[in-house]
Amino acid sequence: MIDRRTFLTGALTGTLAAVAAACSGSGSSARSSASSTSTTTGPTTAATTAAPTTTVAPTTTAAPGGPARFVERGSVDAPPRVALTFHTGLGTAGLVKPLLDAGRAVSAPLTLMVIGSWLEANPSIASALTADGHEIGNHTYSHGTLLQMPAAQAYSEIQRCADVLQRMLGTRGLWLRPSGTEVSSTTAVVNEAAGKAGYRVVLGFDVDPHDYQDPGAAAIQQRVLAGLQPGAIVSLHSGHRGTVDALEPLVGAIRARGYQLVKVSDIVAQ
């Protein structure tokens, strides 16, 4: 026999449990409905200075969830391939267009590491940077010594450049190339800041002809060829006459050695 008090207590407990379950189910259904109707949108940007083209590289749209990794040489799989990267925005701005013209003349894909403040100051060049399908990288906003900056400042430099690239080129770029250093290197702070800004790779290099010292076209070509190896990532600079003059013969010489010229994304995985 169950006394009246026990019976009523049990009935009340059951009723409350049923009500709670109903409320929970209703909340779950609402959440499910909201989830199913939500859409994911990219970051909003200001009006573009130059309309995005269909030839730009895919953007990195989400942070990788941790620090970026450092890469200074690409895949060595056959056939042998090499990528030419250009710090874009240093030296003479008027030489960028001739460099792009030289690349087009020999059908050479380039990876352009763009300085944000330079791009803002030279909006007329924006459409040319992506017109031939060249790949874009982030070379910070003001080209300060990134490896010596505290975390907040490093992140600001990277993110501010990313915002400019997105607004003016239609892509944030796939890579971060540290600025203000003559060597291929990074720090834990830079890797963390790059990952926070949505970049999976901090891109170094393994061939450096020191073209920014203006040794002349012949010396630049000789130095690049001396360091050439499968998967090589070459560091060059867009605003130097010797680099512009060296590009066409350098491309011919690289191909004559059996190498394919590619973008960084062809030899470095995201």
Protein backbone atom coordinates (compact mmCIF):
# COMPACT_ATOMS: atom_id res chain seq x y z
CA MET A 1 0.00 0.00 0.00
CA ILE A 2 1.22 3.54 -0.86
CA ASP A 3 -0.01 6.21 1.51
CA ARG A 4 -1.61 9.39 0.15
CA ARG A 5 1.40 11.60 0.89
CA THR A 6 3.78 9.32 -0.99
CA PHE A 7 1.34 9.05 -3.91
CA LEU A 8 0.89 12.85 -4.20
CA THR A 9 4.61 13.50 -3.88
CA GLY A 10 5.35 11.04 -6.66
CA ALA A 11 2.64 12.48 -8.89
CA LEU A 12 3.86 16.03 -8.35
CA THR A 13 7.47 15.01 -9.10
CA GLY A 14 6.39 13.30 -12.32
CA THR A 15 4.37 16.33 -13.41
CA LEU A 16 7.28 18.71 -12.81
CA ALA A 17 9.65 16.40 -14.70
CA ALA A 18 7.28 16.31 -17.67
CA VAL A 19 6.98 20.11 -17.71
CA ALA A 20 10.79 20.49 -17.54
CA ALA A 21 11.25 18.01 -20.37
CA ALA A 22 8.71 19.86 -22.51
CA CYS A 23 10.45 23.18 -21.89
CA SER A 24 13.81 21.65 -22.64
CA GLY A 25 12.56 20.15 -25.88
CA SER A 26 11.03 23.47 -26.90
CA GLY A 27 14.31 25.29 -26.20
CA SER A 28 16.30 22.68 -28.11
CA SER A 29 13.93 22.96 -31.06
CA ALA A 30 14.24 26.74 -31.02
CA ARG A 31 17.99 26.55 -30.88
CA SER A 32 18.04 23.98 -33.67
CA SER A 33 15.77 26.16 -35.78
CA ALA A 34 17.93 29.22 -35.18
CA SER A 35 21.05 27.23 -36.02
CA SER A 36 19.58 25.90 -39.23
CA THR A 37 18.59 29.34 -40.45
CA SER A 38 21.78 31.20 -39.52
CA THR A 39 24.39 32.03 -42.14
CA THR A 40 28.09 32.60 -41.82
CA THR A 41 29.38 35.83 -43.19
CA GLY A 42 32.88 37.15 -43.62
CA PRO A 43 34.17 40.31 -42.01
CA THR A 44 32.43 43.47 -43.15
CA THR A 45 34.65 45.95 -44.93
CA ALA A 46 34.53 49.53 -46.05
CA ALA A 47 33.85 50.43 -49.68
CA THR A 48 36.58 49.02 -51.88
CA THR A 49 39.07 51.19 -53.66
CA ALA A 50 39.54 48.51 -56.32
CA ALA A 51 36.96 45.83 -57.05
CA PRO A 52 38.07 42.26 -56.28
CA THR A 53 38.96 40.16 -59.28
CA THR A 54 38.22 36.52 -59.91
CA THR A 55 41.90 35.66 -60.14
CA VAL A 56 42.94 36.30 -56.55
CA ALA A 57 44.03 33.43 -54.37
CA PRO A 58 41.55 31.93 -51.89
CA THR A 59 41.43 33.85 -48.65
CA THR A 60 42.13 32.49 -45.21
CA THR A 61 38.80 33.20 -43.55
CA ALA A 62 39.12 31.71 -40.10
CA ALA A 63 41.78 31.56 -37.45
CA PRO A 64 43.43 28.13 -37.27
CA GLY A 65 42.74 27.91 -33.55
CA GLY A 66 46.34 28.26 -32.48
CA PRO A 67 49.72 29.68 -33.44
CA ALA A 68 50.71 29.69 -37.10
CA ARG A 69 53.54 27.41 -38.13
CA PHE A 70 56.80 28.65 -39.64
CA VAL A 71 57.79 27.45 -43.13
CA GLU A 72 60.86 28.51 -45.09
CA ARG A 73 61.00 25.82 -47.77
CA GLY A 74 58.29 24.13 -49.79
CA SER A 75 57.60 20.60 -50.92
CA VAL A 76 60.46 18.79 -52.67
CA ASP A 77 58.19 16.43 -54.60
CA ALA A 78 58.94 15.99 -58.30
CA PRO A 79 58.89 17.81 -60.59
CA PRO A 80 61.17 20.34 -58.88
CA ARG A 81 59.41 23.63 -58.23
CA VAL A 82 60.40 27.04 -56.94
CA ALA A 83 58.41 30.10 -55.81
CA LEU A 84 59.48 33.72 -56.24
CA THR A 85 58.20 35.99 -53.45
CA PHE A 86 58.42 39.79 -53.58
CA HIS A 87 58.30 42.22 -50.68
CA THR A 88 55.96 44.70 -52.30
CA GLY A 89 56.09 48.30 -51.17
CA LEU A 90 59.77 48.86 -50.48
CA GLY A 91 62.03 50.93 -52.70
CA THR A 92 60.61 52.80 -55.68
CA ALA A 93 56.84 52.43 -56.03
CA GLY A 94 57.07 53.16 -59.76
CA LEU A 95 58.94 49.89 -60.33
CA VAL A 96 56.10 47.65 -59.17
CA LYS A 97 54.18 47.93 -62.44
CA PRO A 98 57.28 47.16 -64.59
CA LEU A 99 57.93 44.13 -62.37
CA LEU A 100 54.40 42.87 -62.93
CA ASP A 101 54.77 43.51 -66.67
CA ALA A 102 57.99 41.47 -66.70
CA GLY A 103 56.28 38.63 -64.88
CA ARG A 104 53.44 38.68 -67.41
CA ALA A 105 55.88 38.65 -70.33
CA VAL A 106 57.33 35.32 -69.19
CA SER A 107 54.12 33.92 -67.64
CA ALA A 108 55.73 33.74 -64.21
CA PRO A 109 53.43 33.40 -61.19
CA LEU A 110 54.53 35.68 -58.36
CA THR A 111 53.74 35.77 -54.66
CA LEU A 112 53.48 39.39 -53.50
CA MET A 113 54.05 40.21 -49.82
CA VAL A 114 52.25 43.54 -49.60
CA ILE A 115 52.81 46.31 -47.05
CA GLY A 116 49.44 47.72 -46.00
CA SER A 117 50.40 51.38 -45.61
CA TRP A 118 52.08 51.35 -49.03
CA LEU A 119 48.99 49.91 -50.67
CA GLU A 120 46.80 52.57 -49.07
CA ALA A 121 49.15 55.24 -50.40
CA ASN A 122 49.16 53.72 -53.90
CA PRO A 123 45.56 52.66 -54.58
CA SER A 124 45.98 52.85 -58.36
CA ILE A 125 48.22 49.78 -58.34
CA ALA A 126 45.71 47.61 -56.46
CA SER A 127 43.98 46.02 -59.46
CA ALA A 128 47.33 45.24 -61.14
CA LEU A 129 48.54 43.22 -58.14
CA THR A 130 45.88 40.56 -58.69
CA ALA A 131 45.17 40.95 -62.41
CA ASP A 132 47.40 38.06 -63.45
CA GLY A 133 46.44 35.68 -60.67
CA HIS A 134 49.43 36.46 -58.48
CA GLU A 135 49.24 35.29 -54.89
CA ILE A 136 49.03 37.79 -52.04
CA GLY A 137 50.75 37.75 -48.66
CA ASN A 138 50.67 40.05 -45.61
CA HIS A 139 53.92 41.97 -44.97
CA THR A 140 52.48 43.98 -42.05
CA TYR A 141 50.97 47.44 -42.12
CA SER A 142 53.96 49.72 -41.53
CA HIS A 143 56.98 47.42 -42.05
CA GLY A 144 58.32 47.82 -38.55
CA THR A 145 60.56 45.23 -36.87
CA LEU A 146 57.81 42.71 -36.20
CA LEU A 147 59.98 40.22 -34.31
CA GLN A 148 60.74 42.82 -31.64
CA MET A 149 57.18 43.99 -31.04
CA PRO A 150 55.08 43.06 -28.00
CA ALA A 151 52.13 40.78 -28.68
CA ALA A 152 49.43 43.44 -28.93
CA GLN A 153 51.44 45.60 -31.32
CA ALA A 154 52.44 42.63 -33.49
CA TYR A 155 48.83 41.55 -33.78
CA SER A 156 47.75 45.09 -34.66
CA GLU A 157 50.36 45.30 -37.44
CA ILE A 158 49.22 42.00 -38.93
CA GLN A 159 45.49 42.56 -38.57
CA ARG A 160 45.60 46.13 -39.83
CA CYS A 161 47.40 45.01 -42.99
CA ALA A 162 44.93 42.14 -43.41
CA ASP A 163 42.06 44.63 -43.30
CA VAL A 164 43.67 46.81 -45.97
CA LEU A 165 44.34 43.82 -48.23
CA GLN A 166 40.76 42.61 -47.89
CA ARG A 167 39.32 46.05 -48.57
CA MET A 168 41.52 46.91 -51.54
CA LEU A 169 42.38 43.54 -53.10
CA GLY A 170 39.48 41.35 -52.07
CA THR A 171 41.72 38.94 -50.16
CA ARG A 172 43.55 38.97 -46.85
CA GLY A 173 46.33 36.90 -48.38
CA LEU A 174 47.38 33.39 -47.50
CA TRP A 175 50.68 34.11 -45.75
CA LEU A 176 52.33 36.36 -43.22
CA ARG A 177 55.90 37.41 -44.02
CA PRO A 178 57.55 39.12 -41.00
CA SER A 179 58.82 42.62 -41.72
CA GLY A 180 61.89 44.54 -40.60
CA THR A 181 64.28 41.61 -40.64
CA GLU A 182 66.98 40.58 -43.10
CA VAL A 183 66.84 36.91 -42.12
CA SER A 184 64.26 34.17 -42.38
CA SER A 185 62.97 33.84 -38.84
CA THR A 186 60.02 34.21 -36.50
CA THR A 187 59.15 34.20 -32.81
CA ALA A 188 56.50 32.55 -30.68
CA VAL A 189 54.85 35.97 -30.28
CA VAL A 190 54.64 36.46 -34.05
CA ASN A 191 53.32 32.94 -34.61
CA GLU A 192 50.63 33.48 -31.99
CA ALA A 193 49.65 36.88 -33.43
CA ALA A 194 49.54 35.47 -36.96
CA GLY A 195 47.28 32.62 -35.88
CA LYS A 196 45.01 35.02 -34.04
CA ALA A 197 44.72 37.10 -37.22
CA GLY A 198 43.72 34.03 -39.22
CA TYR A 199 47.01 33.03 -40.87
CA ARG A 200 48.11 29.42 -40.75
CA VAL A 201 51.66 29.96 -42.01
CA VAL A 202 54.41 32.44 -41.19
CA LEU A 203 56.39 32.27 -44.42
CA GLY A 204 60.15 32.48 -44.41
CA PHE A 205 62.51 31.81 -47.30
CA ASP A 206 65.62 29.78 -48.04
CA VAL A 207 67.14 31.73 -50.96
CA ASP A 208 68.07 35.39 -50.46
CA PRO A 209 70.11 37.22 -53.12
CA HIS A 210 70.07 40.46 -51.08
CA ASP A 211 68.64 42.31 -54.05
CA TYR A 212 67.65 45.20 -51.76
CA GLN A 213 71.36 46.08 -51.64
CA ASP A 214 71.19 46.78 -55.39
CA PRO A 215 74.04 44.52 -56.54
CA GLY A 216 72.74 44.59 -60.13
CA ALA A 217 70.67 42.23 -62.24
CA ALA A 218 73.48 39.83 -63.08
CA ALA A 219 74.48 39.36 -59.44
CA ILE A 220 70.86 38.82 -58.39
CA GLN A 221 70.41 36.13 -61.02
CA GLN A 222 73.68 34.43 -60.11
CA ARG A 223 72.88 34.40 -56.40
CA VAL A 224 69.40 32.96 -56.88
CA LEU A 225 70.64 30.21 -59.16
CA ALA A 226 73.43 29.35 -56.69
CA GLY A 227 70.87 28.67 -53.96
CA LEU A 228 68.29 26.95 -56.10
CA GLN A 229 66.90 23.63 -54.88
CA PRO A 230 63.54 21.83 -55.10
CA GLY A 231 60.94 23.62 -53.01
CA ALA A 232 62.96 26.82 -52.78
CA ILE A 233 61.23 30.01 -51.65
CA VAL A 234 63.12 33.03 -52.97
CA SER A 235 63.02 36.42 -51.21
CA LEU A 236 63.04 39.40 -53.59
CA HIS A 237 61.95 43.05 -53.51
CA SER A 238 59.68 44.81 -55.96
CA GLY A 239 61.04 48.34 -55.81
CA HIS A 240 64.59 47.82 -57.06
CA ARG A 241 65.67 48.26 -60.68
CA GLY A 242 68.12 45.36 -60.59
CA THR A 243 65.34 43.01 -59.48
CA VAL A 244 63.03 44.15 -62.26
CA ASP A 245 65.78 43.77 -64.86
CA ALA A 246 66.76 40.35 -63.51
CA LEU A 247 63.29 38.81 -63.55
CA GLU A 248 62.92 37.76 -67.18
CA PRO A 249 66.41 36.24 -67.62
CA LEU A 250 66.17 34.66 -64.16
CA VAL A 251 62.90 32.95 -65.04
CA GLY A 252 64.44 31.61 -68.24
CA ALA A 253 67.49 30.31 -66.39
CA ILE A 254 65.38 28.62 -63.69
CA ARG A 255 63.27 26.86 -66.30
CA ALA A 256 66.37 25.85 -68.26
CA ARG A 257 67.47 23.93 -65.17
CA GLY A 258 64.27 21.91 -65.19
CA TYR A 259 62.38 23.79 -62.48
CA GLN A 260 58.76 24.89 -62.62
CA LEU A 261 57.90 28.37 -61.36
CA VAL A 262 54.86 28.25 -59.07
CA LYS A 263 53.01 30.21 -56.41
CA VAL A 264 53.79 29.46 -52.77
CA SER A 265 50.45 27.67 -52.35
CA ASP A 266 51.64 25.07 -54.86
CA ILE A 267 54.48 23.95 -52.61
CA VAL A 268 53.33 24.93 -49.08
CA ALA A 269 50.14 23.47 -47.63
CA GLN A 270 47.73 25.58 -45.59
